[in-house]
Amino acid sequence: MANMRISQALSMGMLAIIFAGITAESSVTCADVGTKLGSCLGYAQNGGTVSGACCGGVKELKTEAATAEDRRAACECIKTFVQKIPGIKQDLMAGIPDKCGVSISFPISISIDCSK
């Protein structure tokens, strides 16, 4: 259990470092995305049950990404998140919105073209 917490803390630190250098012309920032989806890391890396905090973050992010520009920015941030954080299982990450009962306008995938 302690090892899992350490792993999650390290992953959150990596999120902060990765997203600190990414900017977008949008009201949605990568720091916001990292904060909102950070609680999803445990599930995305290890499976199990999606936490209420994770689902809450997904719902908040959907609400905040109100414009096409915001959704593109969130998409790019999530794509980077999936590519850069070690141990993330893409299939688990991609299934989080469904598990939370949230419909998003793009699939979570490293191959997604966020400009469309």
C-alpha atoms as a PDB file:
ATOM      1  CA  MET A   1       0.000   0.000   0.000  1.00  0.00           C
ATOM      2  CA  ALA A   2       2.835   2.396   0.859  1.00  0.00           C
ATOM      3  CA  ASN A   3       4.572   1.576  -2.423  1.00  0.00           C
ATOM      4  CA  MET A   4       1.386   2.419  -4.335  1.00  0.00           C
ATOM      5  CA  ARG A   5       1.138   5.803  -2.592  1.00  0.00           C
ATOM      6  CA  ILE A   6       4.773   6.556  -3.347  1.00  0.00           C
ATOM      7  CA  SER A   7       4.216   5.586  -6.988  1.00  0.00           C
ATOM      8  CA  GLN A   8       1.163   7.826  -7.213  1.00  0.00           C
ATOM      9  CA  ALA A   9       3.036  10.722  -5.579  1.00  0.00           C
ATOM     10  CA  LEU A  10       5.897  10.324  -8.039  1.00  0.00           C
ATOM     11  CA  SER A  11       3.444  10.187 -10.934  1.00  0.00           C
ATOM     12  CA  MET A  12       1.751  13.376  -9.727  1.00  0.00           C
ATOM     13  CA  GLY A  13       5.166  15.057  -9.545  1.00  0.00           C
ATOM     14  CA  MET A  14       5.888  13.930 -13.090  1.00  0.00           C
ATOM     15  CA  LEU A  15       2.539  15.356 -14.203  1.00  0.00           C
ATOM     16  CA  ALA A  16       3.475  18.736 -12.768  1.00  0.00           C
ATOM     17  CA  ILE A  17       6.855  18.701 -14.530  1.00  0.00           C
ATOM     18  CA  ILE A  18       5.429  17.542 -17.864  1.00  0.00           C
ATOM     19  CA  PHE A  19       2.532  19.967 -17.897  1.00  0.00           C
ATOM     20  CA  ALA A  20       4.505  22.964 -16.636  1.00  0.00           C
ATOM     21  CA  GLY A  21       6.030  23.442 -20.079  1.00  0.00           C
ATOM     22  CA  ILE A  22       2.871  22.932 -22.102  1.00  0.00           C
ATOM     23  CA  THR A  23       0.674  25.915 -22.847  1.00  0.00           C
ATOM     24  CA  ALA A  24      -2.423  26.331 -24.918  1.00  0.00           C
ATOM     25  CA  GLU A  25      -4.535  29.245 -26.132  1.00  0.00           C
ATOM     26  CA  SER A  26      -7.471  28.059 -24.089  1.00  0.00           C
ATOM     27  CA  SER A  27      -9.038  28.462 -20.688  1.00  0.00           C
ATOM     28  CA  VAL A  28      -8.200  24.785 -20.076  1.00  0.00           C
ATOM     29  CA  THR A  29      -4.558  24.338 -19.120  1.00  0.00           C
ATOM     30  CA  CYS A  30      -2.535  21.151 -18.912  1.00  0.00           C
ATOM     31  CA  ALA A  31      -1.990  21.884 -15.228  1.00  0.00           C
ATOM     32  CA  ASP A  32      -5.796  21.834 -14.798  1.00  0.00           C
ATOM     33  CA  VAL A  33      -6.039  18.564 -16.718  1.00  0.00           C
ATOM     34  CA  GLY A  34      -3.269  17.024 -14.611  1.00  0.00           C
ATOM     35  CA  THR A  35      -4.938  18.129 -11.390  1.00  0.00           C
ATOM     36  CA  LYS A  36      -8.341  16.843 -12.430  1.00  0.00           C
ATOM     37  CA  LEU A  37      -7.122  13.519 -13.813  1.00  0.00           C
ATOM     38  CA  GLY A  38      -4.316  12.888 -11.323  1.00  0.00           C
ATOM     39  CA  SER A  39      -6.605  10.804  -9.138  1.00  0.00           C
ATOM     40  CA  CYS A  40      -7.182   8.520 -12.146  1.00  0.00           C
ATOM     41  CA  LEU A  41      -3.528   7.409 -12.232  1.00  0.00           C
ATOM     42  CA  GLY A  42      -3.941   4.463  -9.877  1.00  0.00           C
ATOM     43  CA  TYR A  43      -6.699   2.998 -12.017  1.00  0.00           C
ATOM     44  CA  ALA A  44      -4.943   3.791 -15.310  1.00  0.00           C
ATOM     45  CA  GLN A  45      -1.805   2.004 -14.137  1.00  0.00           C
ATOM     46  CA  ASN A  46      -3.215  -0.870 -12.098  1.00  0.00           C
ATOM     47  CA  GLY A  47      -6.897  -1.354 -12.935  1.00  0.00           C
ATOM     48  CA  GLY A  48      -9.396  -2.086 -10.183  1.00  0.00           C
ATOM     49  CA  THR A  49     -12.099   0.433  -9.396  1.00  0.00           C
ATOM     50  CA  VAL A  50     -12.266   3.985 -10.737  1.00  0.00           C
ATOM     51  CA  SER A  51     -12.362   6.325  -7.741  1.00  0.00           C
ATOM     52  CA  GLY A  52     -15.053   8.879  -7.097  1.00  0.00           C
ATOM     53  CA  ALA A  53     -12.361  11.576  -7.151  1.00  0.00           C
ATOM     54  CA  CYS A  54     -11.303  10.449 -10.628  1.00  0.00           C
ATOM     55  CA  CYS A  55     -14.873  10.560 -11.925  1.00  0.00           C
ATOM     56  CA  GLY A  56     -15.389  13.942 -10.294  1.00  0.00           C
ATOM     57  CA  GLY A  57     -12.305  15.246 -12.093  1.00  0.00           C
ATOM     58  CA  VAL A  58     -13.497  13.856 -15.434  1.00  0.00           C
ATOM     59  CA  LYS A  59     -16.891  15.529 -14.951  1.00  0.00           C
ATOM     60  CA  GLU A  60     -15.290  18.851 -13.960  1.00  0.00           C
ATOM     61  CA  LEU A  61     -12.975  18.733 -16.960  1.00  0.00           C
ATOM     62  CA  LYS A  62     -15.882  18.079 -19.309  1.00  0.00           C
ATOM     63  CA  THR A  63     -17.751  21.061 -17.864  1.00  0.00           C
ATOM     64  CA  GLU A  64     -14.714  23.345 -18.146  1.00  0.00           C
ATOM     65  CA  ALA A  65     -13.905  22.269 -21.719  1.00  0.00           C
ATOM     66  CA  ALA A  66     -16.936  24.086 -23.081  1.00  0.00           C
ATOM     67  CA  THR A  67     -15.576  25.350 -26.407  1.00  0.00           C
ATOM     68  CA  ALA A  68     -13.956  23.517 -29.324  1.00  0.00           C
ATOM     69  CA  GLU A  69     -10.667  25.261 -28.466  1.00  0.00           C
ATOM     70  CA  ASP A  70     -10.916  24.083 -24.845  1.00  0.00           C
ATOM     71  CA  ARG A  71     -11.647  20.507 -25.956  1.00  0.00           C
ATOM     72  CA  ARG A  72      -8.651  20.533 -28.330  1.00  0.00           C
ATOM     73  CA  ALA A  73      -6.413  21.789 -25.528  1.00  0.00           C
ATOM     74  CA  ALA A  74      -7.719  19.136 -23.122  1.00  0.00           C
ATOM     75  CA  CYS A  75      -7.255  16.477 -25.812  1.00  0.00           C
ATOM     76  CA  GLU A  76      -3.613  17.479 -26.373  1.00  0.00           C
ATOM     77  CA  CYS A  77      -2.941  17.474 -22.643  1.00  0.00           C
ATOM     78  CA  ILE A  78      -4.533  14.052 -22.146  1.00  0.00           C
ATOM     79  CA  LYS A  79      -2.608  12.693 -25.137  1.00  0.00           C
ATOM     80  CA  THR A  80       0.640  13.923 -23.581  1.00  0.00           C
ATOM     81  CA  PHE A  81      -0.437  12.519 -20.213  1.00  0.00           C
ATOM     82  CA  VAL A  82      -0.974   9.048 -21.726  1.00  0.00           C
ATOM     83  CA  GLN A  83       2.354   9.157 -23.602  1.00  0.00           C
ATOM     84  CA  LYS A  84       4.602  10.477 -20.838  1.00  0.00           C
ATOM     85  CA  ILE A  85       3.474   8.855 -17.592  1.00  0.00           C
ATOM     86  CA  PRO A  86       5.075   5.424 -17.164  1.00  0.00           C
ATOM     87  CA  GLY A  87       2.868   2.417 -16.630  1.00  0.00           C
ATOM     88  CA  ILE A  88      -0.376   3.852 -17.975  1.00  0.00           C
ATOM     89  CA  LYS A  89      -2.402   1.197 -19.723  1.00  0.00           C
ATOM     90  CA  GLN A  90      -4.053   2.930 -22.678  1.00  0.00           C
ATOM     91  CA  ASP A  91      -7.088   0.650 -22.663  1.00  0.00           C
ATOM     92  CA  LEU A  92      -7.779   1.434 -19.002  1.00  0.00           C
ATOM     93  CA  MET A  93      -7.269   5.181 -19.504  1.00  0.00           C
ATOM     94  CA  ALA A  94      -9.531   5.160 -22.563  1.00  0.00           C
ATOM     95  CA  GLY A  95     -12.326   3.470 -20.591  1.00  0.00           C
ATOM     96  CA  ILE A  96     -12.414   5.944 -17.714  1.00  0.00           C
ATOM     97  CA  PRO A  97     -15.078   8.285 -19.179  1.00  0.00           C
ATOM     98  CA  ASP A  98     -17.459   5.347 -19.748  1.00  0.00           C
ATOM     99  CA  LYS A  99     -16.821   3.972 -16.262  1.00  0.00           C
ATOM    100  CA  CYS A 100     -17.649   7.419 -14.888  1.00  0.00           C
ATOM    101  CA  GLY A 101     -20.778   7.772 -17.037  1.00  0.00           C
ATOM    102  CA  VAL A 102     -19.317  10.756 -18.894  1.00  0.00           C
ATOM    103  CA  SER A 103     -19.466  11.175 -22.661  1.00  0.00           C
ATOM    104  CA  ILE A 104     -16.516  13.042 -24.159  1.00  0.00           C
ATOM    105  CA  SER A 105     -16.124  14.174 -27.764  1.00  0.00           C
ATOM    106  CA  PHE A 106     -12.839  12.349 -28.449  1.00  0.00           C
ATOM    107  CA  PRO A 107     -11.330   8.962 -27.650  1.00  0.00           C
ATOM    108  CA  ILE A 108      -8.403   8.866 -25.245  1.00  0.00           C
ATOM    109  CA  SER A 109      -5.553   7.546 -27.362  1.00  0.00           C
ATOM    110  CA  ILE A 110      -1.962   8.429 -28.229  1.00  0.00           C
ATOM    111  CA  SER A 111      -2.904   8.317 -31.918  1.00  0.00           C
ATOM    112  CA  ILE A 112      -5.811  10.793 -31.719  1.00  0.00           C
ATOM    113  CA  ASP A 113      -5.616  13.873 -33.931  1.00  0.00           C
ATOM    114  CA  CYS A 114      -6.808  16.541 -31.514  1.00  0.00           C
ATOM    115  CA  SER A 115      -7.130  19.153 -34.267  1.00  0.00           C
ATOM    116  CA  LYS A 116     -10.265  17.457 -35.618  1.00  0.00           C
END
